Amino acid sequence: EINAEESERRRIAVDLHDDLGILLSTAKMEATTSKNPKNIVNLIDQSVQRIRQITNKLHPTFIDQFGFFPVLEDSLDTLA
């Protein structure tokens, strides 16, 4: 269980650093050097989308909609 938690923490850290960190750093550079606000808005939109993807991996919304056990049963049926 501890190994699974550590693995998940590493994955989240990589997602945040490699994906979101790069997008936000690029947006910051664009904000200080660019005259085109569309580039900045696009980078911010991509960052928001990436945050949604990361948080959805942490707690998928369909679990709230259908409940944990029905989702688990459906997943097991899909694997079988």
PDB file of N, CA and C in Angstrom:
ATOM      1  N   GLU A   1       0.826  -1.188   0.000  1.00  0.00           N
ATOM      2  CA  GLU A   1       0.000   0.000   0.000  1.00  0.00           C
ATOM      3  C   GLU A   1       0.876   1.259   0.000  1.00  0.00           C
ATOM      4  N   ILE A   2       1.930   1.234   0.787  1.00  0.00           N
ATOM      5  CA  ILE A   2       2.833   2.386   0.846  1.00  0.00           C
ATOM      6  C   ILE A   2       3.512   2.594  -0.502  1.00  0.00           C
ATOM      7  N   ASN A   3       3.918   1.506  -1.145  1.00  0.00           N
ATOM      8  CA  ASN A   3       4.552   1.613  -2.464  1.00  0.00           C
ATOM      9  C   ASN A   3       3.590   2.193  -3.491  1.00  0.00           C
ATOM     10  N   ALA A   4       2.328   1.800  -3.418  1.00  0.00           N
ATOM     11  CA  ALA A   4       1.324   2.334  -4.352  1.00  0.00           C
ATOM     12  C   ALA A   4       1.122   3.823  -4.121  1.00  0.00           C
ATOM     13  N   GLU A   5       1.083   4.234  -2.854  1.00  0.00           N
ATOM     14  CA  GLU A   5       0.930   5.659  -2.550  1.00  0.00           C
ATOM     15  C   GLU A   5       2.128   6.459  -3.050  1.00  0.00           C
ATOM     16  N   GLU A   6       3.316   5.938  -2.822  1.00  0.00           N
ATOM     17  CA  GLU A   6       4.523   6.628  -3.284  1.00  0.00           C
ATOM     18  C   GLU A   6       4.563   6.718  -4.804  1.00  0.00           C
ATOM     19  N   SER A   7       4.153   5.663  -5.467  1.00  0.00           N
ATOM     20  CA  SER A   7       4.108   5.657  -6.927  1.00  0.00           C
ATOM     21  C   SER A   7       3.131   6.701  -7.442  1.00  0.00           C
ATOM     22  N   GLU A   8       1.975   6.792  -6.807  1.00  0.00           N
ATOM     23  CA  GLU A   8       0.971   7.771  -7.210  1.00  0.00           C
ATOM     24  C   GLU A   8       1.473   9.195  -6.954  1.00  0.00           C
ATOM     25  N   ARG A   9       2.127   9.397  -5.843  1.00  0.00           N
ATOM     26  CA  ARG A   9       2.688  10.722  -5.541  1.00  0.00           C
ATOM     27  C   ARG A   9       3.737  11.120  -6.580  1.00  0.00           C
ATOM     28  N   ARG A  10       4.573  10.174  -6.969  1.00  0.00           N
ATOM     29  CA  ARG A  10       5.576  10.456  -8.007  1.00  0.00           C
ATOM     30  C   ARG A  10       4.923  10.828  -9.326  1.00  0.00           C
ATOM     31  N   ARG A  11       3.877  10.094  -9.687  1.00  0.00           N
ATOM     32  CA  ARG A  11       3.172  10.375 -10.933  1.00  0.00           C
ATOM     33  C   ARG A  11       2.548  11.768 -10.903  1.00  0.00           C
ATOM     34  N   ILE A  12       1.937  12.115  -9.791  1.00  0.00           N
ATOM     35  CA  ILE A  12       1.337  13.449  -9.658  1.00  0.00           C
ATOM     36  C   ILE A  12       2.410  14.520  -9.739  1.00  0.00           C
ATOM     37  N   ALA A  13       3.530  14.305  -9.065  1.00  0.00           N
ATOM     38  CA  ALA A  13       4.622  15.284  -9.097  1.00  0.00           C
ATOM     39  C   ALA A  13       5.145  15.475 -10.519  1.00  0.00           C
ATOM     40  N   VAL A  14       5.282  14.384 -11.252  1.00  0.00           N
ATOM     41  CA  VAL A  14       5.747  14.481 -12.640  1.00  0.00           C
ATOM     42  C   VAL A  14       4.725  15.225 -13.486  1.00  0.00           C
ATOM     43  N   ASP A  15       3.446  14.885 -13.328  1.00  0.00           N
ATOM     44  CA  ASP A  15       2.395  15.584 -14.076  1.00  0.00           C
ATOM     45  C   ASP A  15       2.424  17.084 -13.795  1.00  0.00           C
ATOM     46  N   LEU A  16       2.534  17.439 -12.532  1.00  0.00           N
ATOM     47  CA  LEU A  16       2.548  18.852 -12.170  1.00  0.00           C
ATOM     48  C   LEU A  16       3.798  19.553 -12.688  1.00  0.00           C
ATOM     49  N   HIS A  17       4.940  18.931 -12.504  1.00  0.00           N
ATOM     50  CA  HIS A  17       6.195  19.567 -12.903  1.00  0.00           C
ATOM     51  C   HIS A  17       6.370  19.608 -14.414  1.00  0.00           C
ATOM     52  N   ASP A  18       6.249  18.466 -15.038  1.00  0.00           N
ATOM     53  CA  ASP A  18       6.564  18.370 -16.467  1.00  0.00           C
ATOM     54  C   ASP A  18       5.495  19.001 -17.353  1.00  0.00           C
ATOM     55  N   ASP A  19       4.248  18.865 -17.002  1.00  0.00           N
ATOM     56  CA  ASP A  19       3.177  19.392 -17.842  1.00  0.00           C
ATOM     57  C   ASP A  19       2.761  20.797 -17.418  1.00  0.00           C
ATOM     58  N   LEU A  20       2.228  20.880 -16.234  1.00  0.00           N
ATOM     59  CA  LEU A  20       1.678  22.150 -15.765  1.00  0.00           C
ATOM     60  C   LEU A  20       2.763  23.191 -15.530  1.00  0.00           C
ATOM     61  N   GLY A  21       3.876  22.779 -14.960  1.00  0.00           N
ATOM     62  CA  GLY A  21       4.967  23.717 -14.708  1.00  0.00           C
ATOM     63  C   GLY A  21       5.494  24.345 -15.982  1.00  0.00           C
ATOM     64  N   ILE A  22       5.643  23.539 -17.007  1.00  0.00           N
ATOM     65  CA  ILE A  22       6.137  24.054 -18.289  1.00  0.00           C
ATOM     66  C   ILE A  22       5.129  25.012 -18.909  1.00  0.00           C
ATOM     67  N   LEU A  23       3.851  24.646 -18.883  1.00  0.00           N
ATOM     68  CA  LEU A  23       2.822  25.531 -19.452  1.00  0.00           C
ATOM     69  C   LEU A  23       2.789  26.884 -18.740  1.00  0.00           C
ATOM     70  N   LEU A  24       2.834  26.863 -17.411  1.00  0.00           N
ATOM     71  CA  LEU A  24       2.772  28.122 -16.672  1.00  0.00           C
ATOM     72  C   LEU A  24       4.053  28.943 -16.847  1.00  0.00           C
ATOM     73  N   SER A  25       5.197  28.294 -16.898  1.00  0.00           N
ATOM     74  CA  SER A  25       6.454  29.017 -17.144  1.00  0.00           C
ATOM     75  C   SER A  25       6.444  29.674 -18.518  1.00  0.00           C
ATOM     76  N   THR A  26       5.935  28.961 -19.503  1.00  0.00           N
ATOM     77  CA  THR A  26       5.835  29.513 -20.853  1.00  0.00           C
ATOM     78  C   THR A  26       4.864  30.688 -20.880  1.00  0.00           C
ATOM     79  N   ALA A  27       3.744  30.563 -20.172  1.00  0.00           N
ATOM     80  CA  ALA A  27       2.776  31.665 -20.109  1.00  0.00           C
ATOM     81  C   ALA A  27       3.410  32.892 -19.463  1.00  0.00           C
ATOM     82  N   LYS A  28       4.213  32.678 -18.441  1.00  0.00           N
ATOM     83  CA  LYS A  28       4.889  33.803 -17.786  1.00  0.00           C
ATOM     84  C   LYS A  28       5.854  34.491 -18.742  1.00  0.00           C
ATOM     85  N   MET A  29       6.621  33.706 -19.487  1.00  0.00           N
ATOM     86  CA  MET A  29       7.550  34.297 -20.466  1.00  0.00           C
ATOM     87  C   MET A  29       6.790  35.063 -21.539  1.00  0.00           C
ATOM     88  N   GLU A  30       5.684  34.479 -22.019  1.00  0.00           N
ATOM     89  CA  GLU A  30       4.855  35.149 -23.022  1.00  0.00           C
ATOM     90  C   GLU A  30       4.313  36.466 -22.476  1.00  0.00           C
ATOM     91  N   ALA A  31       3.916  36.462 -21.218  1.00  0.00           N
ATOM     92  CA  ALA A  31       3.347  37.667 -20.613  1.00  0.00           C
ATOM     93  C   ALA A  31       4.374  38.792 -20.523  1.00  0.00           C
ATOM     94  N   THR A  32       5.639  38.448 -20.365  1.00  0.00           N
ATOM     95  CA  THR A  32       6.662  39.482 -20.230  1.00  0.00           C
ATOM     96  C   THR A  32       7.279  39.895 -21.562  1.00  0.00           C
ATOM     97  N   THR A  33       7.125  39.063 -22.599  1.00  0.00           N
ATOM     98  CA  THR A  33       7.803  39.375 -23.860  1.00  0.00           C
ATOM     99  C   THR A  33       6.881  39.563 -25.053  1.00  0.00           C
ATOM    100  N   SER A  34       5.675  39.033 -24.987  1.00  0.00           N
ATOM    101  CA  SER A  34       4.804  39.016 -26.153  1.00  0.00           C
ATOM    102  C   SER A  34       3.821  40.175 -26.155  1.00  0.00           C
ATOM    103  N   LYS A  35       3.484  40.597 -27.335  1.00  0.00           N
ATOM    104  CA  LYS A  35       2.440  41.607 -27.504  1.00  0.00           C
ATOM    105  C   LYS A  35       1.112  40.961 -27.886  1.00  0.00           C
ATOM    106  N   ASN A  36       1.101  39.635 -27.985  1.00  0.00           N
ATOM    107  CA  ASN A  36      -0.088  38.911 -28.429  1.00  0.00           C
ATOM    108  C   ASN A  36      -0.758  38.215 -27.237  1.00  0.00           C
ATOM    109  N   PRO A  37      -1.830  38.797 -26.700  1.00  0.00           N
ATOM    110  CA  PRO A  37      -2.493  38.181 -25.545  1.00  0.00           C
ATOM    111  C   PRO A  37      -3.156  36.840 -25.852  1.00  0.00           C
ATOM    112  N   LYS A  38      -3.413  36.558 -27.132  1.00  0.00           N
ATOM    113  CA  LYS A  38      -4.033  35.273 -27.483  1.00  0.00           C
ATOM    114  C   LYS A  38      -3.123  34.111 -27.113  1.00  0.00           C
ATOM    115  N   ASN A  39      -1.816  34.298 -27.268  1.00  0.00           N
ATOM    116  CA  ASN A  39      -0.872  33.247 -26.884  1.00  0.00           C
ATOM    117  C   ASN A  39      -0.950  32.954 -25.388  1.00  0.00           C
ATOM    118  N   ILE A  40      -1.041  34.011 -24.605  1.00  0.00           N
ATOM    119  CA  ILE A  40      -1.097  33.854 -23.154  1.00  0.00           C
ATOM    120  C   ILE A  40      -2.400  33.169 -22.750  1.00  0.00           C
ATOM    121  N   VAL A  41      -3.504  33.611 -23.330  1.00  0.00           N
ATOM    122  CA  VAL A  41      -4.801  33.008 -23.024  1.00  0.00           C
ATOM    123  C   VAL A  41      -4.801  31.536 -23.396  1.00  0.00           C
ATOM    124  N   ASN A  42      -4.228  31.192 -24.529  1.00  0.00           N
ATOM    125  CA  ASN A  42      -4.153  29.798 -24.965  1.00  0.00           C
ATOM    126  C   ASN A  42      -3.350  28.960 -23.968  1.00  0.00           C
ATOM    127  N   LEU A  43      -2.229  29.478 -23.510  1.00  0.00           N
ATOM    128  CA  LEU A  43      -1.407  28.741 -22.545  1.00  0.00           C
ATOM    129  C   LEU A  43      -2.139  28.572 -21.211  1.00  0.00           C
ATOM    130  N   ILE A  44      -2.849  29.595 -20.790  1.00  0.00           N
ATOM    131  CA  ILE A  44      -3.616  29.494 -19.548  1.00  0.00           C
ATOM    132  C   ILE A  44      -4.747  28.483 -19.714  1.00  0.00           C
ATOM    133  N   ASP A  45      -5.419  28.502 -20.852  1.00  0.00           N
ATOM    134  CA  ASP A  45      -6.477  27.516 -21.122  1.00  0.00           C
ATOM    135  C   ASP A  45      -5.919  26.096 -21.076  1.00  0.00           C
ATOM    136  N   GLN A  46      -4.747  25.894 -21.664  1.00  0.00           N
ATOM    137  CA  GLN A  46      -4.114  24.576 -21.630  1.00  0.00           C
ATOM    138  C   GLN A  46      -3.776  24.170 -20.199  1.00  0.00           C
ATOM    139  N   SER A  47      -3.341  25.136 -19.388  1.00  0.00           N
ATOM    140  CA  SER A  47      -3.017  24.857 -17.993  1.00  0.00           C
ATOM    141  C   SER A  47      -4.255  24.436 -17.222  1.00  0.00           C
ATOM    142  N   VAL A  48      -5.350  25.137 -17.435  1.00  0.00           N
ATOM    143  CA  VAL A  48      -6.599  24.797 -16.757  1.00  0.00           C
ATOM    144  C   VAL A  48      -7.054  23.399 -17.167  1.00  0.00           C
ATOM    145  N   GLN A  49      -6.955  23.089 -18.442  1.00  0.00           N
ATOM    146  CA  GLN A  49      -7.342  21.768 -18.930  1.00  0.00           C
ATOM    147  C   GLN A  49      -6.471  20.685 -18.294  1.00  0.00           C
ATOM    148  N   ARG A  50      -5.188  20.950 -18.186  1.00  0.00           N
ATOM    149  CA  ARG A  50      -4.275  19.971 -17.589  1.00  0.00           C
ATOM    150  C   ARG A  50      -4.584  19.768 -16.111  1.00  0.00           C
ATOM    151  N   ILE A  51      -4.923  20.853 -15.396  1.00  0.00           N
ATOM    152  CA  ILE A  51      -5.303  20.720 -13.981  1.00  0.00           C
ATOM    153  C   ILE A  51      -6.533  19.835 -13.860  1.00  0.00           C
ATOM    154  N   ARG A  52      -7.503  20.030 -14.738  1.00  0.00           N
ATOM    155  CA  ARG A  52      -8.715  19.191 -14.714  1.00  0.00           C
ATOM    156  C   ARG A  52      -8.372  17.723 -14.954  1.00  0.00           C
ATOM    157  N   GLN A  53      -7.462  17.455 -15.882  1.00  0.00           N
ATOM    158  CA  GLN A  53      -7.073  16.078 -16.161  1.00  0.00           C
ATOM    159  C   GLN A  53      -6.394  15.438 -14.948  1.00  0.00           C
ATOM    160  N   ILE A  54      -5.513  16.184 -14.314  1.00  0.00           N
ATOM    161  CA  ILE A  54      -4.791  15.660 -13.155  1.00  0.00           C
ATOM    162  C   ILE A  54      -5.760  15.391 -12.005  1.00  0.00           C
ATOM    163  N   THR A  55      -6.647  16.348 -11.725  1.00  0.00           N
ATOM    164  CA  THR A  55      -7.583  16.151 -10.619  1.00  0.00           C
ATOM    165  C   THR A  55      -8.593  15.050 -10.929  1.00  0.00           C
ATOM    166  N   ASN A  56      -8.951  14.893 -12.200  1.00  0.00           N
ATOM    167  CA  ASN A  56      -9.865  13.811 -12.564  1.00  0.00           C
ATOM    168  C   ASN A  56      -9.215  12.455 -12.348  1.00  0.00           C
ATOM    169  N   LYS A  57      -7.916  12.371 -12.579  1.00  0.00           N
ATOM    170  CA  LYS A  57      -7.214  11.118 -12.301  1.00  0.00           C
ATOM    171  C   LYS A  57      -7.203  10.822 -10.807  1.00  0.00           C
ATOM    172  N   LEU A  58      -7.155  11.872  -9.989  1.00  0.00           N
ATOM    173  CA  LEU A  58      -7.137  11.683  -8.546  1.00  0.00           C
ATOM    174  C   LEU A  58      -8.495  11.252  -8.008  1.00  0.00           C
ATOM    175  N   HIS A  59      -9.552  11.818  -8.567  1.00  0.00           N
ATOM    176  CA  HIS A  59     -10.909  11.490  -8.118  1.00  0.00           C
ATOM    177  C   HIS A  59     -11.873  11.651  -9.286  1.00  0.00           C
ATOM    178  N   PRO A  60     -12.044  10.598 -10.067  1.00  0.00           N
ATOM    179  CA  PRO A  60     -12.925  10.691 -11.230  1.00  0.00           C
ATOM    180  C   PRO A  60     -14.352  11.069 -10.841  1.00  0.00           C
ATOM    181  N   THR A  61     -14.962  11.957 -11.620  1.00  0.00           N
ATOM    182  CA  THR A  61     -16.319  12.438 -11.312  1.00  0.00           C
ATOM    183  C   THR A  61     -17.365  11.345 -11.441  1.00  0.00           C
ATOM    184  N   PHE A  62     -17.119  10.339 -12.273  1.00  0.00           N
ATOM    185  CA  PHE A  62     -18.130   9.296 -12.432  1.00  0.00           C
ATOM    186  C   PHE A  62     -18.292   8.472 -11.158  1.00  0.00           C
ATOM    187  N   ILE A  63     -17.305   8.489 -10.264  1.00  0.00           N
ATOM    188  CA  ILE A  63     -17.469   7.803  -8.985  1.00  0.00           C
ATOM    189  C   ILE A  63     -18.533   8.522  -8.155  1.00  0.00           C
ATOM    190  N   ASP A  64     -18.514   9.856  -8.193  1.00  0.00           N
ATOM    191  CA  ASP A  64     -19.547  10.617  -7.484  1.00  0.00           C
ATOM    192  C   ASP A  64     -20.925  10.372  -8.085  1.00  0.00           C
ATOM    193  N   GLN A  65     -20.982  10.216  -9.392  1.00  0.00           N
ATOM    194  CA  GLN A  65     -22.269  10.053 -10.069  1.00  0.00           C
ATOM    195  C   GLN A  65     -22.881   8.674  -9.823  1.00  0.00           C
ATOM    196  N   PHE A  66     -22.043   7.635  -9.897  1.00  0.00           N
ATOM    197  CA  PHE A  66     -22.574   6.279  -9.863  1.00  0.00           C
ATOM    198  C   PHE A  66     -22.248   5.514  -8.579  1.00  0.00           C
ATOM    199  N   GLY A  67     -21.278   5.981  -7.833  1.00  0.00           N
ATOM    200  CA  GLY A  67     -20.862   5.280  -6.612  1.00  0.00           C
ATOM    201  C   GLY A  67     -19.653   4.407  -6.885  1.00  0.00           C
ATOM    202  N   PHE A  68     -18.876   4.171  -5.848  1.00  0.00           N
ATOM    203  CA  PHE A  68     -17.622   3.437  -5.992  1.00  0.00           C
ATOM    204  C   PHE A  68     -17.836   1.994  -6.441  1.00  0.00           C
ATOM    205  N   PHE A  69     -18.735   1.274  -5.772  1.00  0.00           N
ATOM    206  CA  PHE A  69     -18.887  -0.143  -6.075  1.00  0.00           C
ATOM    207  C   PHE A  69     -19.452  -0.414  -7.472  1.00  0.00           C
ATOM    208  N   PRO A  70     -20.457   0.317  -7.946  1.00  0.00           N
ATOM    209  CA  PRO A  70     -20.891   0.100  -9.332  1.00  0.00           C
ATOM    210  C   PRO A  70     -19.772   0.370 -10.351  1.00  0.00           C
ATOM    211  N   VAL A  71     -18.974   1.403 -10.103  1.00  0.00           N
ATOM    212  CA  VAL A  71     -17.856   1.699 -11.014  1.00  0.00           C
ATOM    213  C   VAL A  71     -16.829   0.584 -10.952  1.00  0.00           C
ATOM    214  N   LEU A  72     -16.541   0.097  -9.751  1.00  0.00           N
ATOM    215  CA  LEU A  72     -15.592  -1.003  -9.594  1.00  0.00           C
ATOM    216  C   LEU A  72     -16.100  -2.258 -10.299  1.00  0.00           C
ATOM    217  N   GLU A  73     -17.368  -2.584 -10.116  1.00  0.00           N
ATOM    218  CA  GLU A  73     -17.946  -3.761 -10.779  1.00  0.00           C
ATOM    219  C   GLU A  73     -17.871  -3.627 -12.297  1.00  0.00           C
ATOM    220  N   ASP A  74     -18.199  -2.435 -12.809  1.00  0.00           N
ATOM    221  CA  ASP A  74     -18.129  -2.195 -14.241  1.00  0.00           C
ATOM    222  C   ASP A  74     -16.700  -2.354 -14.750  1.00  0.00           C
ATOM    223  N   SER A  75     -15.749  -1.852 -14.005  1.00  0.00           N
ATOM    224  CA  SER A  75     -14.340  -1.981 -14.402  1.00  0.00           C
ATOM    225  C   SER A  75     -13.910  -3.438 -14.425  1.00  0.00           C
ATOM    226  N   LEU A  76     -14.339  -4.188 -13.411  1.00  0.00           N
ATOM    227  CA  LEU A  76     -14.004  -5.621 -13.378  1.00  0.00           C
ATOM    228  C   LEU A  76     -14.660  -6.370 -14.523  1.00  0.00           C
ATOM    229  N   ASP A  77     -15.900  -6.021 -14.851  1.00  0.00           N
ATOM    230  CA  ASP A  77     -16.587  -6.657 -15.981  1.00  0.00           C
ATOM    231  C   ASP A  77     -15.846  -6.361 -17.290  1.00  0.00           C
ATOM    232  N   THR A  78     -15.334  -5.156 -17.410  1.00  0.00           N
ATOM    233  CA  THR A  78     -14.605  -4.775 -18.624  1.00  0.00           C
ATOM    234  C   THR A  78     -13.311  -5.585 -18.764  1.00  0.00           C
ATOM    235  N   LEU A  79     -12.660  -5.859 -17.644  1.00  0.00           N
ATOM    236  CA  LEU A  79     -11.413  -6.619 -17.676  1.00  0.00           C
ATOM    237  C   LEU A  79     -11.643  -8.105 -17.950  1.00  0.00           C
ATOM    238  N   ALA A  80     -12.810  -8.601 -17.581  1.00  0.00           N
ATOM    239  CA  ALA A  80     -13.083 -10.046 -17.707  1.00  0.00           C
ATOM    240  C   ALA A  80     -13.377 -10.446 -19.121  1.00  0.00           C
TER     241      ALA A  80
END
